[in-house]
N, C-alpha and C. Protein backbone atom coordinates (compact mmCIF):
# COMPACT_ATOMS: atom_id res chain seq x y z
N MET A 1 -38.19 -6.85 80.79
CA MET A 1 -37.96 -5.58 81.44
C MET A 1 -38.03 -4.47 80.39
N ARG A 2 -38.71 -3.45 80.68
CA ARG A 2 -38.89 -2.33 79.77
C ARG A 2 -37.84 -1.27 80.02
N ARG A 3 -37.51 -0.60 78.90
CA ARG A 3 -36.59 0.52 78.99
C ARG A 3 -37.30 1.70 79.62
N PRO A 4 -36.57 2.51 80.36
CA PRO A 4 -37.21 3.71 80.91
C PRO A 4 -37.57 4.69 79.79
N ARG A 5 -38.61 5.43 80.01
CA ARG A 5 -39.05 6.41 79.02
C ARG A 5 -37.96 7.45 78.79
N GLY A 6 -37.79 7.82 77.51
CA GLY A 6 -36.81 8.84 77.17
C GLY A 6 -35.42 8.29 76.94
N ALA A 7 -35.22 7.00 77.13
CA ALA A 7 -33.90 6.41 76.89
C ALA A 7 -33.66 6.32 75.38
N VAL A 8 -32.42 6.48 74.98
CA VAL A 8 -32.04 6.46 73.57
C VAL A 8 -31.46 5.10 73.23
N ASN A 9 -31.97 4.53 72.15
CA ASN A 9 -31.44 3.26 71.67
C ASN A 9 -30.17 3.57 70.87
N LEU A 10 -29.04 3.01 71.27
CA LEU A 10 -27.75 3.29 70.65
C LEU A 10 -27.71 2.83 69.20
N VAL A 11 -28.35 1.73 68.87
CA VAL A 11 -28.36 1.22 67.50
C VAL A 11 -29.12 2.19 66.59
N ASN A 12 -30.28 2.63 67.02
CA ASN A 12 -31.05 3.58 66.22
C ASN A 12 -30.30 4.91 66.04
N LEU A 13 -29.66 5.37 67.07
CA LEU A 13 -28.90 6.61 66.99
C LEU A 13 -27.74 6.46 66.00
N THR A 14 -27.05 5.34 66.04
CA THR A 14 -25.96 5.08 65.11
C THR A 14 -26.46 5.03 63.68
N LEU A 15 -27.57 4.37 63.44
CA LEU A 15 -28.13 4.29 62.09
C LEU A 15 -28.56 5.66 61.58
N ILE A 16 -29.14 6.47 62.42
CA ILE A 16 -29.55 7.81 62.02
C ILE A 16 -28.33 8.66 61.66
N VAL A 17 -27.28 8.57 62.47
CA VAL A 17 -26.06 9.33 62.19
C VAL A 17 -25.44 8.87 60.87
N LEU A 18 -25.41 7.56 60.61
CA LEU A 18 -24.85 7.03 59.36
C LEU A 18 -25.67 7.49 58.14
N VAL A 19 -26.97 7.48 58.25
CA VAL A 19 -27.82 7.92 57.14
C VAL A 19 -27.61 9.41 56.87
N LEU A 20 -27.56 10.21 57.93
CA LEU A 20 -27.34 11.64 57.76
C LEU A 20 -25.95 11.94 57.17
N ALA A 21 -24.94 11.22 57.62
CA ALA A 21 -23.58 11.41 57.08
C ALA A 21 -23.53 11.00 55.61
N GLY A 22 -24.20 9.90 55.24
CA GLY A 22 -24.25 9.48 53.85
C GLY A 22 -24.98 10.49 52.98
N ALA A 23 -26.06 11.06 53.48
CA ALA A 23 -26.80 12.06 52.71
C ALA A 23 -25.95 13.33 52.54
N TYR A 24 -25.20 13.72 53.56
CA TYR A 24 -24.34 14.90 53.47
C TYR A 24 -23.23 14.68 52.44
N LEU A 25 -22.60 13.51 52.48
CA LEU A 25 -21.54 13.21 51.51
C LEU A 25 -22.10 13.14 50.09
N ALA A 26 -23.29 12.60 49.93
CA ALA A 26 -23.92 12.56 48.60
C ALA A 26 -24.23 13.98 48.13
N TRP A 27 -24.68 14.84 49.04
CA TRP A 27 -24.98 16.23 48.70
C TRP A 27 -23.71 16.96 48.24
N LEU A 28 -22.55 16.59 48.80
CA LEU A 28 -21.29 17.19 48.38
C LEU A 28 -20.77 16.59 47.08
N TYR A 29 -20.85 15.26 46.95
CA TYR A 29 -20.16 14.57 45.87
C TYR A 29 -20.96 14.47 44.58
N VAL A 30 -22.27 14.38 44.62
CA VAL A 30 -23.07 14.19 43.41
C VAL A 30 -22.88 15.33 42.40
N PRO A 31 -22.86 16.60 42.80
CA PRO A 31 -22.59 17.64 41.79
C PRO A 31 -21.21 17.50 41.15
N LEU A 32 -20.22 17.08 41.93
CA LEU A 32 -18.88 16.87 41.37
C LEU A 32 -18.89 15.73 40.37
N TRP A 33 -19.61 14.67 40.68
CA TRP A 33 -19.71 13.52 39.79
C TRP A 33 -20.44 13.90 38.50
N LEU A 34 -21.48 14.71 38.60
CA LEU A 34 -22.20 15.15 37.40
C LEU A 34 -21.30 16.03 36.52
N ASP A 35 -20.50 16.90 37.14
CA ASP A 35 -19.55 17.69 36.37
C ASP A 35 -18.50 16.80 35.70
N ASP A 36 -18.08 15.73 36.39
CA ASP A 36 -17.12 14.80 35.79
C ASP A 36 -17.73 14.09 34.58
N LEU A 37 -19.02 13.85 34.60
CA LEU A 37 -19.67 13.27 33.42
C LEU A 37 -19.58 14.22 32.24
N ASP A 38 -19.73 15.53 32.49
CA ASP A 38 -19.56 16.52 31.42
C ASP A 38 -18.13 16.52 30.90
N VAL A 39 -17.16 16.37 31.82
CA VAL A 39 -15.76 16.31 31.40
C VAL A 39 -15.52 15.07 30.54
N ARG A 40 -16.09 13.95 30.94
CA ARG A 40 -15.93 12.72 30.15
C ARG A 40 -16.52 12.87 28.75
N GLU A 41 -17.65 13.54 28.65
CA GLU A 41 -18.28 13.77 27.35
C GLU A 41 -17.39 14.65 26.47
N ALA A 42 -16.82 15.70 27.05
CA ALA A 42 -15.94 16.59 26.29
C ALA A 42 -14.66 15.88 25.87
N VAL A 43 -14.13 15.03 26.73
CA VAL A 43 -12.92 14.26 26.39
C VAL A 43 -13.23 13.28 25.28
N ALA A 44 -14.39 12.65 25.31
CA ALA A 44 -14.78 11.72 24.24
C ALA A 44 -14.90 12.46 22.91
N ALA A 45 -15.42 13.68 22.93
CA ALA A 45 -15.51 14.47 21.70
C ALA A 45 -14.11 14.83 21.20
N ALA A 46 -13.18 15.11 22.10
CA ALA A 46 -11.81 15.43 21.70
C ALA A 46 -11.12 14.22 21.09
N VAL A 47 -11.39 13.03 21.61
CA VAL A 47 -10.81 11.81 21.03
C VAL A 47 -11.32 11.62 19.60
N GLY A 48 -12.56 11.96 19.35
CA GLY A 48 -13.12 11.84 18.01
C GLY A 48 -12.48 12.77 17.00
N GLN A 49 -11.76 13.79 17.46
CA GLN A 49 -11.11 14.74 16.56
C GLN A 49 -9.66 14.39 16.25
N LEU A 50 -9.12 13.37 16.91
CA LEU A 50 -7.72 12.99 16.69
C LEU A 50 -7.54 12.32 15.33
N THR A 51 -6.46 12.68 14.66
CA THR A 51 -6.12 12.06 13.38
C THR A 51 -4.77 11.36 13.49
N ILE A 52 -4.48 10.47 12.53
CA ILE A 52 -3.25 9.69 12.59
C ILE A 52 -2.02 10.55 12.32
N GLU A 53 -2.00 11.23 11.20
CA GLU A 53 -0.77 11.87 10.76
C GLU A 53 -0.53 13.25 11.36
N SER A 54 -1.55 13.93 11.80
CA SER A 54 -1.38 15.32 12.17
C SER A 54 -1.39 15.51 13.68
N SER A 55 -0.24 15.85 14.21
CA SER A 55 -0.20 16.22 15.62
C SER A 55 -0.19 17.74 15.75
N THR A 56 -0.28 18.45 14.60
CA THR A 56 -0.32 19.92 14.65
C THR A 56 -1.65 20.42 15.18
N LEU A 57 -2.68 19.60 15.09
CA LEU A 57 -4.00 20.00 15.60
C LEU A 57 -4.13 19.79 17.11
N ASP A 58 -3.12 19.18 17.72
CA ASP A 58 -3.21 18.90 19.16
C ASP A 58 -3.41 20.16 19.98
N GLY A 59 -2.71 21.23 19.63
CA GLY A 59 -2.87 22.49 20.37
C GLY A 59 -4.28 23.02 20.27
N GLN A 60 -4.87 22.91 19.08
CA GLN A 60 -6.25 23.37 18.90
C GLN A 60 -7.22 22.49 19.70
N ILE A 61 -6.98 21.19 19.70
CA ILE A 61 -7.85 20.27 20.44
C ILE A 61 -7.75 20.55 21.93
N ARG A 62 -6.51 20.75 22.42
CA ARG A 62 -6.32 21.07 23.84
C ARG A 62 -7.04 22.37 24.21
N GLN A 63 -6.87 23.39 23.38
CA GLN A 63 -7.49 24.69 23.67
C GLN A 63 -9.00 24.60 23.63
N ARG A 64 -9.54 23.88 22.64
CA ARG A 64 -10.99 23.74 22.52
C ARG A 64 -11.56 23.01 23.74
N LEU A 65 -10.86 21.97 24.19
CA LEU A 65 -11.32 21.21 25.36
C LEU A 65 -11.26 22.08 26.62
N ALA A 66 -10.18 22.84 26.79
CA ALA A 66 -10.07 23.72 27.95
C ALA A 66 -11.16 24.79 27.93
N THR A 67 -11.48 25.29 26.74
CA THR A 67 -12.54 26.31 26.62
C THR A 67 -13.90 25.72 26.95
N GLN A 68 -14.15 24.49 26.47
CA GLN A 68 -15.42 23.83 26.78
C GLN A 68 -15.58 23.63 28.28
N LEU A 69 -14.49 23.22 28.93
CA LEU A 69 -14.56 22.92 30.36
C LEU A 69 -14.55 24.19 31.21
N GLY A 70 -14.37 25.34 30.57
CA GLY A 70 -14.43 26.60 31.30
C GLY A 70 -15.83 26.96 31.76
N SER A 71 -16.83 26.28 31.22
CA SER A 71 -18.21 26.56 31.62
C SER A 71 -18.81 25.44 32.46
N VAL A 72 -17.98 24.48 32.85
CA VAL A 72 -18.45 23.35 33.66
C VAL A 72 -18.02 23.56 35.10
N GLY A 73 -18.96 23.52 36.01
CA GLY A 73 -18.65 23.55 37.44
C GLY A 73 -18.04 24.86 37.91
N THR A 74 -17.40 24.79 39.08
CA THR A 74 -16.72 25.93 39.68
C THR A 74 -15.43 25.46 40.32
N HIS A 75 -14.56 26.41 40.60
CA HIS A 75 -13.34 26.11 41.35
C HIS A 75 -13.03 27.31 42.25
N TRP A 76 -12.12 27.10 43.17
CA TRP A 76 -11.77 28.14 44.14
C TRP A 76 -10.44 28.75 43.76
N GLU A 77 -10.35 30.08 43.84
CA GLU A 77 -9.11 30.82 43.61
C GLU A 77 -8.89 31.79 44.76
N ASP A 78 -7.61 32.08 45.00
CA ASP A 78 -7.27 33.08 46.00
C ASP A 78 -7.20 34.44 45.33
N GLN A 79 -8.04 35.36 45.76
CA GLN A 79 -8.05 36.72 45.23
C GLN A 79 -8.02 37.69 46.40
N ASP A 80 -6.99 38.50 46.44
CA ASP A 80 -6.82 39.49 47.51
C ASP A 80 -6.84 38.85 48.90
N GLY A 81 -6.23 37.69 49.02
CA GLY A 81 -6.14 37.02 50.31
C GLY A 81 -7.40 36.28 50.74
N LYS A 82 -8.41 36.23 49.88
CA LYS A 82 -9.64 35.52 50.20
C LYS A 82 -9.88 34.45 49.17
N ARG A 83 -10.49 33.37 49.59
CA ARG A 83 -10.88 32.31 48.65
C ARG A 83 -12.20 32.67 48.03
N VAL A 84 -12.22 32.66 46.69
CA VAL A 84 -13.41 33.05 45.94
C VAL A 84 -13.76 31.92 44.99
N GLU A 85 -15.04 31.58 44.92
CA GLU A 85 -15.50 30.54 44.01
C GLU A 85 -15.79 31.18 42.64
N VAL A 86 -15.13 30.65 41.60
CA VAL A 86 -15.28 31.20 40.25
C VAL A 86 -15.76 30.08 39.32
N PRO A 87 -16.43 30.45 38.22
CA PRO A 87 -16.94 29.43 37.30
C PRO A 87 -15.81 28.72 36.55
N GLY A 88 -16.12 27.50 36.12
CA GLY A 88 -15.16 26.69 35.36
C GLY A 88 -14.35 25.79 36.27
N LEU A 89 -13.69 24.82 35.66
CA LEU A 89 -12.88 23.88 36.43
C LEU A 89 -11.44 24.34 36.61
N GLY A 90 -11.07 25.42 35.96
CA GLY A 90 -9.70 25.92 36.08
C GLY A 90 -8.71 25.08 35.31
N ILE A 91 -9.18 24.40 34.27
CA ILE A 91 -8.31 23.55 33.46
C ILE A 91 -7.72 24.39 32.33
N GLU A 92 -6.42 24.35 32.22
CA GLU A 92 -5.71 25.04 31.14
C GLU A 92 -5.42 24.05 30.02
N ALA A 93 -5.03 24.57 28.87
CA ALA A 93 -4.72 23.70 27.73
C ALA A 93 -3.54 22.77 28.04
N ASP A 94 -2.62 23.22 28.90
CA ASP A 94 -1.47 22.37 29.26
C ASP A 94 -1.86 21.20 30.15
N ASP A 95 -3.03 21.24 30.75
CA ASP A 95 -3.49 20.15 31.61
C ASP A 95 -4.05 18.98 30.83
N VAL A 96 -4.21 19.14 29.52
CA VAL A 96 -4.76 18.09 28.66
C VAL A 96 -3.60 17.35 28.00
N GLN A 97 -3.53 16.03 28.22
CA GLN A 97 -2.48 15.21 27.60
C GLN A 97 -3.08 14.43 26.44
N ILE A 98 -2.36 14.44 25.32
CA ILE A 98 -2.78 13.68 24.14
C ILE A 98 -1.66 12.72 23.78
N GLU A 99 -2.00 11.44 23.66
CA GLU A 99 -1.04 10.42 23.28
C GLU A 99 -1.57 9.69 22.06
N ARG A 100 -0.65 9.32 21.18
CA ARG A 100 -1.02 8.57 19.98
C ARG A 100 -0.19 7.31 19.90
N SER A 101 -0.78 6.28 19.32
CA SER A 101 -0.07 5.05 18.98
C SER A 101 -0.34 4.77 17.50
N PRO A 102 0.52 5.28 16.61
CA PRO A 102 0.26 5.12 15.18
C PRO A 102 0.22 3.66 14.73
N GLU A 103 0.99 2.79 15.40
CA GLU A 103 0.99 1.37 15.03
C GLU A 103 -0.39 0.75 15.28
N ALA A 104 -0.95 1.06 16.43
CA ALA A 104 -2.25 0.50 16.79
C ALA A 104 -3.40 1.38 16.28
N LYS A 105 -3.07 2.56 15.74
CA LYS A 105 -4.07 3.51 15.25
C LYS A 105 -5.06 3.92 16.34
N THR A 106 -4.51 4.13 17.52
CA THR A 106 -5.36 4.58 18.64
C THR A 106 -4.77 5.85 19.25
N GLY A 107 -5.60 6.60 19.90
CA GLY A 107 -5.17 7.80 20.60
C GLY A 107 -5.88 7.90 21.93
N ARG A 108 -5.26 8.62 22.84
CA ARG A 108 -5.83 8.77 24.18
C ARG A 108 -5.75 10.23 24.59
N VAL A 109 -6.83 10.72 25.18
CA VAL A 109 -6.87 12.08 25.74
C VAL A 109 -7.12 11.92 27.24
N THR A 110 -6.28 12.59 28.03
CA THR A 110 -6.36 12.48 29.48
C THR A 110 -6.40 13.87 30.10
N VAL A 111 -7.28 14.03 31.08
CA VAL A 111 -7.37 15.27 31.84
C VAL A 111 -7.34 14.91 33.32
N ASP A 112 -6.37 15.46 34.04
CA ASP A 112 -6.29 15.31 35.49
C ASP A 112 -6.61 16.66 36.11
N TYR A 113 -7.53 16.67 37.06
CA TYR A 113 -7.90 17.93 37.71
C TYR A 113 -8.37 17.64 39.11
N ALA A 114 -8.41 18.68 39.91
CA ALA A 114 -8.85 18.55 41.30
C ALA A 114 -10.00 19.51 41.54
N ARG A 115 -10.95 19.07 42.32
CA ARG A 115 -12.09 19.91 42.71
C ARG A 115 -12.01 20.11 44.22
N THR A 116 -12.25 21.31 44.64
CA THR A 116 -12.26 21.62 46.06
C THR A 116 -13.68 22.01 46.44
N VAL A 117 -14.17 21.39 47.50
CA VAL A 117 -15.51 21.73 48.00
C VAL A 117 -15.36 22.29 49.41
N ARG A 118 -16.27 23.18 49.73
CA ARG A 118 -16.28 23.75 51.08
C ARG A 118 -17.27 22.97 51.92
N LEU A 119 -16.80 22.47 53.04
CA LEU A 119 -17.67 21.78 53.98
C LEU A 119 -18.42 22.86 54.75
N LYS A 120 -19.71 22.96 54.51
CA LYS A 120 -20.51 24.12 54.90
C LYS A 120 -20.44 24.50 56.39
N PRO A 121 -20.81 23.63 57.30
CA PRO A 121 -20.84 24.15 58.67
C PRO A 121 -19.45 24.39 59.26
N LEU A 122 -18.44 23.70 58.74
CA LEU A 122 -17.10 23.80 59.32
C LEU A 122 -16.25 24.89 58.68
N GLN A 123 -16.67 25.39 57.49
CA GLN A 123 -15.89 26.35 56.72
C GLN A 123 -14.48 25.82 56.41
N ARG A 124 -14.38 24.52 56.22
CA ARG A 124 -13.14 23.88 55.82
C ARG A 124 -13.26 23.48 54.37
N TYR A 125 -12.13 23.16 53.74
CA TYR A 125 -12.11 22.78 52.33
C TYR A 125 -11.58 21.37 52.17
N TRP A 126 -12.13 20.66 51.20
CA TRP A 126 -11.78 19.26 50.94
C TRP A 126 -11.52 19.15 49.45
N THR A 127 -10.36 18.61 49.07
CA THR A 127 -9.98 18.49 47.68
C THR A 127 -10.14 17.04 47.21
N ILE A 128 -10.80 16.89 46.07
CA ILE A 128 -11.02 15.57 45.47
C ILE A 128 -10.37 15.60 44.09
N ARG A 129 -9.55 14.60 43.81
CA ARG A 129 -8.83 14.53 42.53
C ARG A 129 -9.60 13.64 41.56
N PHE A 130 -9.64 14.07 40.30
CA PHE A 130 -10.30 13.31 39.23
C PHE A 130 -9.29 13.02 38.13
N HIS A 131 -9.41 11.84 37.55
CA HIS A 131 -8.58 11.42 36.41
C HIS A 131 -9.55 10.93 35.34
N THR A 132 -9.65 11.69 34.25
CA THR A 132 -10.56 11.33 33.18
C THR A 132 -9.74 11.03 31.94
N SER A 133 -9.92 9.84 31.40
CA SER A 133 -9.16 9.41 30.24
C SER A 133 -10.07 8.68 29.28
N ARG A 134 -9.81 8.87 27.99
CA ARG A 134 -10.62 8.18 26.98
C ARG A 134 -9.71 7.79 25.82
N GLU A 135 -9.88 6.60 25.34
CA GLU A 135 -9.08 6.10 24.21
C GLU A 135 -10.01 5.78 23.07
N GLY A 136 -9.52 6.01 21.85
CA GLY A 136 -10.34 5.73 20.68
C GLY A 136 -9.49 5.52 19.44
N VAL A 137 -10.14 5.18 18.36
CA VAL A 137 -9.47 4.93 17.10
C VAL A 137 -9.22 6.26 16.40
N LEU A 138 -8.01 6.42 15.85
CA LEU A 138 -7.66 7.65 15.16
C LEU A 138 -8.30 7.70 13.77
N LYS A 139 -8.68 8.91 13.37
CA LYS A 139 -9.23 9.10 12.02
C LYS A 139 -8.08 9.14 11.02
N LEU A 140 -8.37 8.81 9.80
CA LEU A 140 -7.34 8.85 8.75
C LEU A 140 -7.17 10.21 8.17
């Protein structure tokens, strides 16, 4: 028995909707993931600057990392009652955690941040949290 002309196959419709939804989510998430790769690279560079005996440089390392990440991506801020997209991730020097283990001669730099994306047709916002951490051997 043949289907009547113009009838919609439910399986094909479901597959098309799933492919379109996956493409939309990829369109939203891939730029965030690429920015996170830049954050990981900057955190790895900060780990390379850690030394064993000196924790006095931590403030400089935090500030340098926050300055580097000021040119990566965008974030949303409330200005005059409106949400405005501004450059940078909005990471401050206080958002960078540095931990040392002098016994093991290792150090860890961690940055936790959130990215908010606007869902285009709905004009709604969705927040995604990122945790970037890198551990390495301390310099002498």
